[in-house]
Amino acid sequence: MNSGRRISPASLLLLLGCIAFPEVTIRGRLAAQESVPKKAGEWQEQSMRVGTLDRWFRIYRPQSLRERAPAVVLLHGGTQSMRKIFAPRAGGTRAWIDIADREGVLLIVPNGVNPKTGDTRGDNQNWNDLRSQDSDRNSTADDVAFLRQLRNEMVSNNRLDDTRIYVTGASNGGMMTYRLLLEAPECFAAAATFIAVLPAGMQETPPPRRPTPLLIANGTLDPLIPWKGGPVRGQSEPLMSAPANLDWWIRANRADRDRVTEERLADTSPDDGCRLIQSLYPAGTGGAPVLFLKMEGAGHALPSRAHAVPDTWMVRRLIGPLCQDAEGAELAWSFLSQFPSPIVRKPVPPDQPPAGSLR
């Protein structure tokens, strides 16, 4: 998320995020997961034509990848890029490489657009999320068309499991994830957002046509996306509070707030001043579950133990306190991987050309 003030490139690396569903296991595999050394996978950078633009993306292909594998689409935050979120000391997003290697998951990392220059391949990019276009920080690109096209071609070209395609994003990437759930819910089996909320003006927006299992994580001391709502620092458009955003998605997903269960995760790093509290709202009739991760005492970053960013005075000034009690990406994968999509898509006829062309 763009904070509205000029900061160094090094600092920018720190800004990160009628269907019955099965019961959700909050801990499940987390306790049983082990870090097994594996050979490094392969990064590939490619582009595809979408409308009048060449749109860029990276994919990470682990050695453990097999046919009918799942995939995760990872959306970077504002002023970030498909490269920066995996740079050294970039934070918790790097844990997705460990997950991909261990679980045999294809990582799809698309790039946003620079709203000032129109550059689609650079490292200072933004998504056209749900906020109004009243700022030079907001992109006007048709990112929903890009991400839908990218998702479908990756499934076809890599023989992925069409029922296990997931999406997650942080900050501006989390807001873009919300937009995908509203406008293209058929594309993803489940989603996870970190440090992101809906604009305040969307309180009366109709719910999506299809509910999607959703994990939402917000920090109570986030200086960029205020827990109590209001504009992003340096911008004017107000955002919902974290509780109001949660309430909107509980209603949109037709989750059952009367059967909510709460769990305080282990305080594995007592000195960080953070506690993680999970609240699970199970699917109601024809709905989908919502899992809310309250990051009490945390700021504008994914929680991470193995990939935590440096805890310096400057970092705290920019993004607030850091939480090291758990690996945010692992929590997201534990949730996402429980849900295969109930949607069965019709194959594209042989004589119909693909939606775009890879380069």
Protein backbone atom coordinates (compact mmCIF):
# COMPACT_ATOMS: atom_id res chain seq x y z
CA MET A 1 0.00 0.00 0.00
CA ASN A 2 1.39 3.39 -0.88
CA SER A 3 1.76 5.48 2.26
CA GLY A 4 1.69 8.83 0.49
CA ARG A 5 5.21 9.85 1.56
CA ARG A 6 8.53 9.39 -0.25
CA ILE A 7 10.67 6.66 1.23
CA SER A 8 13.74 4.84 0.01
CA PRO A 9 13.55 1.80 -2.29
CA ALA A 10 15.07 -0.31 0.45
CA SER A 11 12.29 0.68 2.82
CA LEU A 12 9.65 -0.02 0.23
CA LEU A 13 10.68 -3.66 0.32
CA LEU A 14 9.22 -3.77 3.79
CA LEU A 15 5.60 -2.80 2.82
CA LEU A 16 3.82 -5.91 2.28
CA GLY A 17 -0.54 -9.09 1.26
CA CYS A 18 -25.80 -22.10 -2.33
CA ILE A 19 -22.58 -24.21 -1.89
CA ALA A 20 -21.82 -26.30 1.15
CA PHE A 21 -18.19 -26.31 2.27
CA PRO A 22 -16.57 -28.83 4.61
CA GLU A 23 -15.76 -28.05 8.21
CA VAL A 24 -12.56 -26.07 8.57
CA THR A 25 -9.60 -27.35 10.56
CA ILE A 26 -7.79 -24.40 12.08
CA ARG A 27 -4.61 -26.14 13.10
CA GLY A 28 -4.73 -29.31 11.03
CA ARG A 29 -1.48 -29.77 9.24
CA LEU A 30 0.37 -26.89 10.93
CA ALA A 31 1.44 -29.01 13.88
CA ALA A 32 2.51 -31.88 11.66
CA GLN A 33 4.37 -29.95 8.98
CA GLU A 34 8.08 -30.51 8.80
CA SER A 35 10.69 -28.64 6.84
CA VAL A 36 12.11 -31.18 4.43
CA PRO A 37 15.12 -29.99 2.40
CA LYS A 38 14.35 -30.03 -1.30
CA LYS A 39 16.11 -28.99 -4.48
CA ALA A 40 15.44 -25.42 -5.48
CA GLY A 41 12.73 -24.83 -8.05
CA GLU A 42 12.87 -22.64 -11.13
CA TRP A 43 11.69 -19.05 -11.61
CA GLN A 44 10.41 -18.02 -15.03
CA GLU A 45 9.42 -14.51 -16.16
CA GLN A 46 6.91 -14.21 -18.99
CA SER A 47 4.36 -11.84 -20.52
CA MET A 48 0.96 -12.13 -22.15
CA ARG A 49 -1.10 -9.75 -24.24
CA VAL A 50 -4.21 -8.44 -22.50
CA GLY A 51 -6.10 -5.85 -24.52
CA THR A 52 -3.52 -3.27 -25.56
CA LEU A 53 -0.98 -4.12 -22.85
CA ASP A 54 1.77 -6.69 -22.43
CA ARG A 55 1.27 -7.89 -18.87
CA TRP A 56 4.12 -9.51 -16.99
CA PHE A 57 4.25 -12.25 -14.40
CA ARG A 58 6.61 -14.74 -12.80
CA ILE A 59 6.00 -18.36 -11.99
CA TYR A 60 7.88 -20.53 -9.52
CA ARG A 61 7.99 -24.16 -10.57
CA PRO A 62 9.19 -26.40 -7.71
CA GLN A 63 11.00 -29.65 -8.34
CA SER A 64 8.12 -31.40 -6.60
CA LEU A 65 5.52 -30.13 -9.13
CA ARG A 66 3.35 -32.86 -10.63
CA GLU A 67 0.46 -32.94 -13.06
CA ARG A 68 -2.87 -31.79 -11.57
CA ALA A 69 -0.99 -29.67 -9.02
CA PRO A 70 -2.60 -26.78 -7.12
CA ALA A 71 -1.51 -23.18 -7.69
CA VAL A 72 -1.48 -19.98 -5.66
CA VAL A 73 -1.73 -16.53 -7.25
CA LEU A 74 0.26 -14.06 -5.12
CA LEU A 75 -0.60 -10.36 -5.46
CA HIS A 76 2.04 -7.85 -4.35
CA GLY A 77 1.29 -4.70 -2.38
CA GLY A 78 1.29 -1.12 -3.65
CA THR A 79 4.66 0.26 -4.89
CA GLN A 80 5.88 -3.35 -4.90
CA SER A 81 6.36 -5.84 -7.75
CA MET A 82 6.51 -9.51 -8.71
CA ARG A 83 10.26 -9.42 -7.91
CA LYS A 84 10.41 -7.24 -4.81
CA ILE A 85 8.13 -9.40 -2.68
CA PHE A 86 10.68 -12.23 -2.95
CA ALA A 87 13.78 -10.09 -2.49
CA PRO A 88 16.09 -10.75 0.47
CA ARG A 89 14.63 -9.36 3.72
CA ALA A 90 11.29 -8.68 1.99
CA GLY A 91 9.35 -10.46 4.72
CA GLY A 92 6.83 -13.27 5.10
CA THR A 93 5.89 -13.68 1.43
CA ARG A 94 9.18 -15.55 0.98
CA ALA A 95 7.72 -18.45 2.99
CA TRP A 96 5.58 -19.33 -0.04
CA ILE A 97 8.69 -20.75 -1.70
CA ASP A 98 9.09 -23.18 1.21
CA ILE A 99 5.44 -24.17 0.86
CA ALA A 100 5.70 -24.60 -2.91
CA ASP A 101 8.74 -26.86 -2.56
CA ARG A 102 7.17 -28.96 0.19
CA GLU A 103 3.63 -29.24 -1.19
CA GLY A 104 4.27 -29.21 -4.95
CA VAL A 105 2.44 -25.92 -5.55
CA LEU A 106 2.91 -23.70 -8.60
CA LEU A 107 3.33 -20.05 -7.58
CA ILE A 108 1.93 -17.47 -10.00
CA VAL A 109 3.17 -13.95 -9.25
CA PRO A 110 1.65 -11.29 -11.54
CA ASN A 111 2.85 -7.71 -11.84
CA GLY A 112 0.70 -4.62 -11.48
CA VAL A 113 1.05 -1.41 -13.49
CA ASN A 114 2.93 1.78 -12.63
CA PRO A 115 0.06 4.31 -12.52
CA LYS A 116 2.28 7.26 -13.46
CA THR A 117 4.24 5.77 -16.36
CA GLY A 118 2.06 2.88 -17.51
CA ASP A 119 5.04 0.51 -17.18
CA THR A 120 3.86 -3.09 -16.78
CA ARG A 121 7.23 -4.73 -16.07
CA GLY A 122 8.76 -2.44 -13.47
CA ASP A 123 9.21 -2.55 -9.70
CA ASN A 124 6.98 0.35 -8.55
CA GLN A 125 3.56 -1.09 -9.38
CA ASN A 126 -0.03 -0.90 -8.17
CA TRP A 127 -3.29 -2.79 -8.66
CA ASN A 128 -6.56 -1.27 -9.80
CA ASP A 129 -8.36 -2.27 -6.63
CA LEU A 130 -11.78 -1.16 -5.41
CA ARG A 131 -10.81 2.39 -4.46
CA SER A 132 -11.94 5.34 -6.57
CA GLN A 133 -9.64 6.71 -9.25
CA ASP A 134 -8.96 10.04 -7.51
CA SER A 135 -5.24 9.61 -7.02
CA ASP A 136 -2.16 9.27 -9.23
CA ARG A 137 -1.28 6.24 -7.11
CA ASN A 138 -4.23 4.24 -8.47
CA SER A 139 -3.90 2.22 -11.66
CA THR A 140 -6.66 2.24 -14.28
CA ALA A 141 -5.66 -1.05 -15.93
CA ASP A 142 -8.19 -3.86 -16.30
CA ASP A 143 -6.51 -6.08 -13.75
CA VAL A 144 -9.52 -8.37 -13.36
CA ALA A 145 -9.31 -9.28 -17.06
CA PHE A 146 -5.55 -9.83 -16.75
CA LEU A 147 -5.77 -12.04 -13.68
CA ARG A 148 -8.68 -14.09 -15.03
CA GLN A 149 -6.85 -14.65 -18.32
CA LEU A 150 -3.59 -15.48 -16.55
CA ARG A 151 -5.30 -17.95 -14.23
CA ASN A 152 -7.00 -19.79 -17.09
CA GLU A 153 -3.90 -20.00 -19.27
CA MET A 154 -1.73 -21.20 -16.39
CA VAL A 155 -4.24 -23.99 -15.70
CA SER A 156 -4.23 -25.05 -19.36
CA ASN A 157 -0.50 -24.69 -20.06
CA ASN A 158 0.67 -26.35 -16.85
CA ARG A 159 -2.05 -29.02 -16.52
CA LEU A 160 -3.01 -27.73 -13.09
CA ASP A 161 -5.92 -28.90 -10.99
CA ASP A 162 -8.64 -26.47 -12.03
CA THR A 163 -10.44 -26.97 -8.70
CA ARG A 164 -7.42 -25.98 -6.56
CA ILE A 165 -6.44 -22.50 -7.73
CA TYR A 166 -6.11 -20.03 -4.84
CA VAL A 167 -5.40 -16.31 -4.51
CA THR A 168 -3.80 -14.27 -1.76
CA GLY A 169 -2.54 -10.72 -1.43
CA ALA A 170 -1.36 -8.14 1.08
CA SER A 171 -2.30 -4.46 1.33
CA ASN A 172 -3.08 -3.22 -2.21
CA GLY A 173 -2.82 -6.88 -3.27
CA GLY A 174 -5.33 -7.81 -0.58
CA MET A 175 -7.75 -5.18 -1.86
CA MET A 176 -7.28 -6.56 -5.37
CA THR A 177 -8.09 -10.00 -3.98
CA TYR A 178 -11.39 -8.62 -2.67
CA ARG A 179 -12.14 -7.24 -6.13
CA LEU A 180 -11.53 -10.66 -7.69
CA LEU A 181 -13.92 -12.27 -5.21
CA LEU A 182 -16.58 -9.73 -6.17
CA GLU A 183 -16.11 -9.74 -9.95
CA ALA A 184 -14.58 -13.14 -10.76
CA PRO A 185 -15.46 -15.48 -7.86
CA GLU A 186 -15.61 -18.50 -10.16
CA CYS A 187 -11.86 -18.31 -10.71
CA PHE A 188 -10.65 -19.23 -7.22
CA ALA A 189 -11.43 -22.01 -4.77
CA ALA A 190 -10.46 -19.93 -1.71
CA ALA A 191 -8.68 -16.68 -0.85
CA ALA A 192 -6.58 -15.07 1.89
CA THR A 193 -6.07 -11.35 2.48
CA PHE A 194 -3.57 -9.66 4.77
CA ILE A 195 -3.60 -6.05 6.01
CA ALA A 196 -6.43 -5.02 3.64
CA VAL A 197 -10.03 -3.82 3.97
CA LEU A 198 -12.80 -2.57 1.67
CA PRO A 199 -13.44 1.13 0.99
CA ALA A 200 -15.97 2.65 3.39
CA GLY A 201 -18.23 3.57 0.48
CA MET A 202 -18.89 -0.10 -0.27
CA GLN A 203 -21.03 -0.81 2.79
CA GLU A 204 -24.16 -1.20 0.63
CA THR A 205 -22.46 -3.02 -2.27
CA PRO A 206 -24.29 -6.25 -3.23
CA PRO A 207 -22.48 -9.47 -2.25
CA PRO A 208 -20.67 -11.56 -4.87
CA ARG A 209 -22.73 -14.04 -6.89
CA ARG A 210 -20.79 -16.91 -5.36
CA PRO A 211 -19.34 -17.06 -1.82
CA THR A 212 -15.66 -18.01 -1.53
CA PRO A 213 -13.90 -19.37 1.59
CA LEU A 214 -11.89 -16.44 2.90
CA LEU A 215 -9.15 -15.79 5.45
CA ILE A 216 -8.83 -12.15 6.57
CA ALA A 217 -5.88 -10.92 8.67
CA ASN A 218 -5.53 -7.42 10.12
CA GLY A 219 -3.18 -5.80 12.62
CA THR A 220 -4.56 -3.68 15.44
CA LEU A 221 -1.58 -1.28 15.26
CA ASP A 222 -1.39 -0.96 11.47
CA PRO A 223 -0.42 2.67 10.70
CA LEU A 224 -1.35 2.39 7.00
CA ILE A 225 -4.66 0.49 7.12
CA PRO A 226 -6.09 1.77 10.42
CA TRP A 227 -7.89 -0.83 12.52
CA LYS A 228 -10.60 1.72 13.32
CA GLY A 229 -10.99 2.75 9.68
CA GLY A 230 -10.27 5.98 7.85
CA PRO A 231 -7.99 6.86 4.94
CA VAL A 232 -4.66 5.29 4.14
CA ARG A 233 -1.89 7.52 5.43
CA GLY A 234 -1.36 10.28 2.88
CA GLN A 235 -4.62 9.59 0.99
CA SER A 236 -8.16 10.89 1.29
CA GLU A 237 -10.60 8.04 0.58
CA PRO A 238 -11.83 6.45 3.84
CA LEU A 239 -11.66 2.70 4.36
CA MET A 240 -13.82 0.45 6.51
CA SER A 241 -12.59 -0.46 9.95
CA ALA A 242 -11.24 -4.00 10.29
CA PRO A 243 -14.34 -5.11 12.29
CA ALA A 244 -16.68 -3.55 9.71
CA ASN A 245 -14.80 -5.23 6.85
CA LEU A 246 -15.07 -8.57 8.66
CA ASP A 247 -18.79 -8.04 9.20
CA TRP A 248 -19.31 -7.24 5.51
CA TRP A 249 -17.65 -10.48 4.42
CA ILE A 250 -19.47 -12.59 7.03
CA ARG A 251 -22.74 -11.33 5.55
CA ALA A 252 -21.55 -11.61 1.93
CA ASN A 253 -20.33 -15.17 2.48
CA ARG A 254 -23.44 -16.17 4.43
CA ALA A 255 -21.20 -17.42 7.22
CA ASP A 256 -22.73 -18.38 10.57
CA ARG A 257 -21.73 -15.85 13.23
CA ASP A 258 -23.73 -17.75 15.88
CA ARG A 259 -21.36 -20.74 15.65
CA VAL A 260 -18.11 -18.78 15.77
CA THR A 261 -15.18 -20.46 17.52
CA GLU A 262 -12.12 -18.62 18.79
CA GLU A 263 -8.55 -19.74 19.37
CA ARG A 264 -5.51 -17.88 20.68
CA LEU A 265 -2.44 -19.19 18.88
CA ALA A 266 0.73 -19.95 20.81
CA ASP A 267 2.73 -16.90 21.85
CA THR A 268 5.95 -18.26 20.37
CA SER A 269 7.70 -14.88 20.45
CA PRO A 270 6.71 -13.22 23.76
CA ASP A 271 9.02 -10.26 23.23
CA ASP A 272 7.29 -9.05 20.04
CA GLY A 273 4.20 -7.80 21.90
CA CYS A 274 1.89 -9.57 19.44
CA ARG A 275 -0.83 -12.17 19.93
CA LEU A 276 -2.65 -13.97 17.13
CA ILE A 277 -6.34 -14.71 17.68
CA GLN A 278 -8.29 -16.78 15.14
CA SER A 279 -12.08 -16.58 14.88
CA LEU A 280 -13.75 -19.10 12.58
CA TYR A 281 -17.21 -18.32 11.21
CA PRO A 282 -18.36 -21.57 9.57
CA ALA A 283 -20.39 -21.70 6.39
CA GLY A 284 -24.11 -21.17 6.81
CA THR A 285 -26.70 -22.56 4.43
CA GLY A 286 -25.44 -21.99 0.91
CA GLY A 287 -22.47 -20.04 2.23
CA ALA A 288 -18.72 -20.22 2.73
CA PRO A 289 -16.57 -19.89 5.87
CA VAL A 290 -14.66 -16.81 6.99
CA LEU A 291 -11.55 -17.19 9.16
CA PHE A 292 -10.47 -13.94 10.82
CA LEU A 293 -6.93 -13.55 12.13
CA LYS A 294 -6.70 -10.66 14.57
CA MET A 295 -3.05 -9.67 14.85
CA GLU A 296 -3.19 -7.97 18.23
CA GLY A 297 -0.29 -5.55 18.60
CA ALA A 298 0.89 -5.99 14.98
CA GLY A 299 1.32 -3.52 12.15
CA HIS A 300 1.37 -3.55 8.35
CA ALA A 301 3.15 -6.82 7.54
CA LEU A 302 2.56 -10.56 7.34
CA PRO A 303 3.45 -12.36 10.56
CA SER A 304 6.66 -14.30 10.07
CA ARG A 305 9.22 -16.18 12.09
CA ALA A 306 11.71 -17.41 9.49
CA HIS A 307 11.45 -14.39 7.17
CA ALA A 308 10.78 -11.48 9.50
CA VAL A 309 11.96 -8.09 8.27
CA PRO A 310 14.53 -6.26 10.43
CA ASP A 311 12.87 -4.84 13.54
CA THR A 312 14.37 -1.36 13.47
CA TRP A 313 13.14 2.07 14.50
CA MET A 314 12.64 3.04 10.85
CA VAL A 315 10.65 -0.14 10.10
CA ARG A 316 8.36 0.48 13.07
CA ARG A 317 7.85 4.08 11.98
CA LEU A 318 6.85 2.98 8.47
CA ILE A 319 4.76 -0.14 9.09
CA GLY A 320 4.34 -0.51 12.84
CA PRO A 321 5.23 -3.44 15.11
CA LEU A 322 6.19 -6.80 13.62
CA CYS A 323 4.59 -10.09 14.64
CA GLN A 324 6.81 -13.19 14.85
CA ASP A 325 4.40 -15.65 16.49
CA ALA A 326 3.65 -17.62 13.31
CA GLU A 327 4.30 -17.84 9.59
CA GLY A 328 1.47 -15.99 7.85
CA ALA A 329 1.91 -17.87 4.59
CA GLU A 330 1.68 -21.21 6.42
CA LEU A 331 -1.55 -20.12 8.13
CA ALA A 332 -2.92 -19.08 4.74
CA TRP A 333 -1.96 -22.36 3.06
CA SER A 334 -3.41 -24.42 5.92
CA PHE A 335 -6.72 -22.63 5.31
CA LEU A 336 -6.71 -22.44 1.51
CA SER A 337 -5.70 -26.02 0.84
CA GLN A 338 -8.81 -27.40 2.55
CA PHE A 339 -11.07 -26.15 -0.25
CA PRO A 340 -11.35 -27.58 -3.73
CA SER A 341 -13.66 -25.51 -5.87
CA PRO A 342 -17.17 -26.92 -6.42
CA ILE A 343 -17.28 -25.25 -9.85
CA VAL A 344 -16.81 -27.53 -12.86
CA ARG A 345 -15.81 -25.50 -15.91
CA LYS A 346 -16.56 -26.44 -19.49
CA PRO A 347 -13.48 -27.09 -21.64
CA VAL A 348 -12.65 -24.57 -24.38
CA PRO A 349 -13.70 -25.92 -27.82
CA PRO A 350 -10.71 -27.02 -29.95
CA ASP A 351 -11.46 -24.43 -32.66
CA GLN A 352 -11.65 -21.54 -30.17
CA PRO A 353 -8.39 -19.56 -29.80
CA PRO A 354 -6.98 -19.02 -26.31
CA ALA A 355 -7.81 -15.81 -24.48
CA GLY A 356 -4.24 -14.47 -24.80
CA SER A 357 -0.80 -15.39 -26.04
CA LEU A 358 2.20 -16.07 -23.85
CA ARG A 359 5.55 -14.65 -24.81
